[in-house]
C-alpha atoms as a PDB file:
ATOM      1  CA  THR A   1       0.000   0.000   0.000  1.00  0.00           C
ATOM      2  CA  LEU A   2       1.221   3.497  -0.850  1.00  0.00           C
ATOM      3  CA  CYS A   3      -0.411   6.585   0.680  1.00  0.00           C
ATOM      4  CA  ILE A   4       0.398  10.124  -0.416  1.00  0.00           C
ATOM      5  CA  TYR A   5      -0.551  13.092   1.758  1.00  0.00           C
ATOM      6  CA  THR A   6      -0.400  16.752   0.774  1.00  0.00           C
ATOM      7  CA  HIS A   7      -1.321  20.081   2.244  1.00  0.00           C
ATOM      8  CA  VAL A   8      -0.850  23.741   1.382  1.00  0.00           C
ATOM      9  CA  GLU A   9       1.828  25.036   3.742  1.00  0.00           C
ATOM     10  CA  ARG A  10       1.884  28.661   2.617  1.00  0.00           C
ATOM     11  CA  VAL A  11       0.193  30.959   0.109  1.00  0.00           C
ATOM     12  CA  GLY A  12       2.050  34.085  -0.945  1.00  0.00           C
ATOM     13  CA  ARG A  13       1.229  36.824  -3.422  1.00  0.00           C
ATOM     14  CA  THR A  14       2.498  34.939  -6.491  1.00  0.00           C
ATOM     15  CA  SER A  15       3.280  31.452  -5.161  1.00  0.00           C
ATOM     16  CA  MET A  16       2.230  28.665  -2.851  1.00  0.00           C
ATOM     17  CA  THR A  17       4.173  25.935  -1.076  1.00  0.00           C
ATOM     18  CA  LEU A  18       2.822  22.377  -0.946  1.00  0.00           C
ATOM     19  CA  LYS A  19       4.126  19.756   1.488  1.00  0.00           C
ATOM     20  CA  VAL A  20       4.017  16.149   0.254  1.00  0.00           C
ATOM     21  CA  GLU A  21       4.705  12.908   2.149  1.00  0.00           C
ATOM     22  CA  ALA A  22       4.568   9.334   0.860  1.00  0.00           C
ATOM     23  CA  TRP A  23       4.048   6.417   3.268  1.00  0.00           C
ATOM     24  CA  ALA A  24       4.377   2.748   2.294  1.00  0.00           C
ATOM     25  CA  GLN A  25       3.276  -0.502   3.862  1.00  0.00           C
ATOM     26  CA  ARG A  26       5.973  -3.082   3.317  1.00  0.00           C
ATOM     27  CA  TYR A  27       5.150  -6.568   2.045  1.00  0.00           C
ATOM     28  CA  LEU A  28       3.857  -8.853   4.831  1.00  0.00           C
ATOM     29  CA  SER A  29       3.917  -6.019   7.370  1.00  0.00           C
ATOM     30  CA  ASP A  30       1.264  -3.879   9.042  1.00  0.00           C
ATOM     31  CA  LEU A  31       3.766  -1.081   9.636  1.00  0.00           C
ATOM     32  CA  MET A  32       3.460   2.102   7.554  1.00  0.00           C
ATOM     33  CA  GLU A  33       6.691   4.057   7.152  1.00  0.00           C
ATOM     34  CA  LYS A  34       7.469   7.375   5.505  1.00  0.00           C
ATOM     35  CA  VAL A  35       9.486   6.708   2.349  1.00  0.00           C
ATOM     36  CA  THR A  36       9.876  10.239   0.983  1.00  0.00           C
ATOM     37  CA  HIS A  37       8.832  13.836   1.465  1.00  0.00           C
ATOM     38  CA  ALA A  38       9.124  17.071  -0.494  1.00  0.00           C
ATOM     39  CA  ASP A  39       8.201  20.746  -0.545  1.00  0.00           C
ATOM     40  CA  PHE A  40       6.923  22.033  -3.892  1.00  0.00           C
ATOM     41  CA  VAL A  41       6.889  25.760  -4.619  1.00  0.00           C
ATOM     42  CA  MET A  42       4.354  26.542  -7.339  1.00  0.00           C
ATOM     43  CA  VAL A  43       4.522  29.992  -8.971  1.00  0.00           C
ATOM     44  CA  ALA A  44       1.548  31.456 -10.870  1.00  0.00           C
ATOM     45  CA  LEU A  45       2.639  32.755 -14.282  1.00  0.00           C
ATOM     46  CA  ASP A  46       0.945  34.978 -16.826  1.00  0.00           C
ATOM     47  CA  GLY A  47       0.898  34.358 -20.594  1.00  0.00           C
ATOM     48  CA  GLU A  48       4.400  35.840 -20.903  1.00  0.00           C
ATOM     49  CA  GLY A  49       5.863  33.597 -18.214  1.00  0.00           C
ATOM     50  CA  LYS A  50       6.075  36.357 -15.589  1.00  0.00           C
ATOM     51  CA  PRO A  51       4.837  35.860 -12.017  1.00  0.00           C
ATOM     52  CA  LYS A  52       1.257  36.987 -11.401  1.00  0.00           C
ATOM     53  CA  ALA A  53      -0.912  37.195  -8.302  1.00  0.00           C
ATOM     54  CA  VAL A  54      -2.313  33.904  -7.019  1.00  0.00           C
ATOM     55  CA  PRO A  55      -6.127  33.983  -7.360  1.00  0.00           C
ATOM     56  CA  ALA A  56      -8.004  34.261  -4.075  1.00  0.00           C
ATOM     57  CA  GLU A  57      -9.540  31.037  -2.760  1.00  0.00           C
ATOM     58  CA  SER A  58     -13.265  30.931  -3.461  1.00  0.00           C
END
């Protein structure tokens, strides 16, 4: 079994940071263990590739 969990850590004016963790259940085991994690910074870009304001959450 592989479980992936994410959440929005931070929202800035032109970017947001997402935290990601992956947990795996090993073969013949009930134990879940974290196998990797990452922070992703996503930047909103306009049609010319320049940063633009992140739309407000609706």
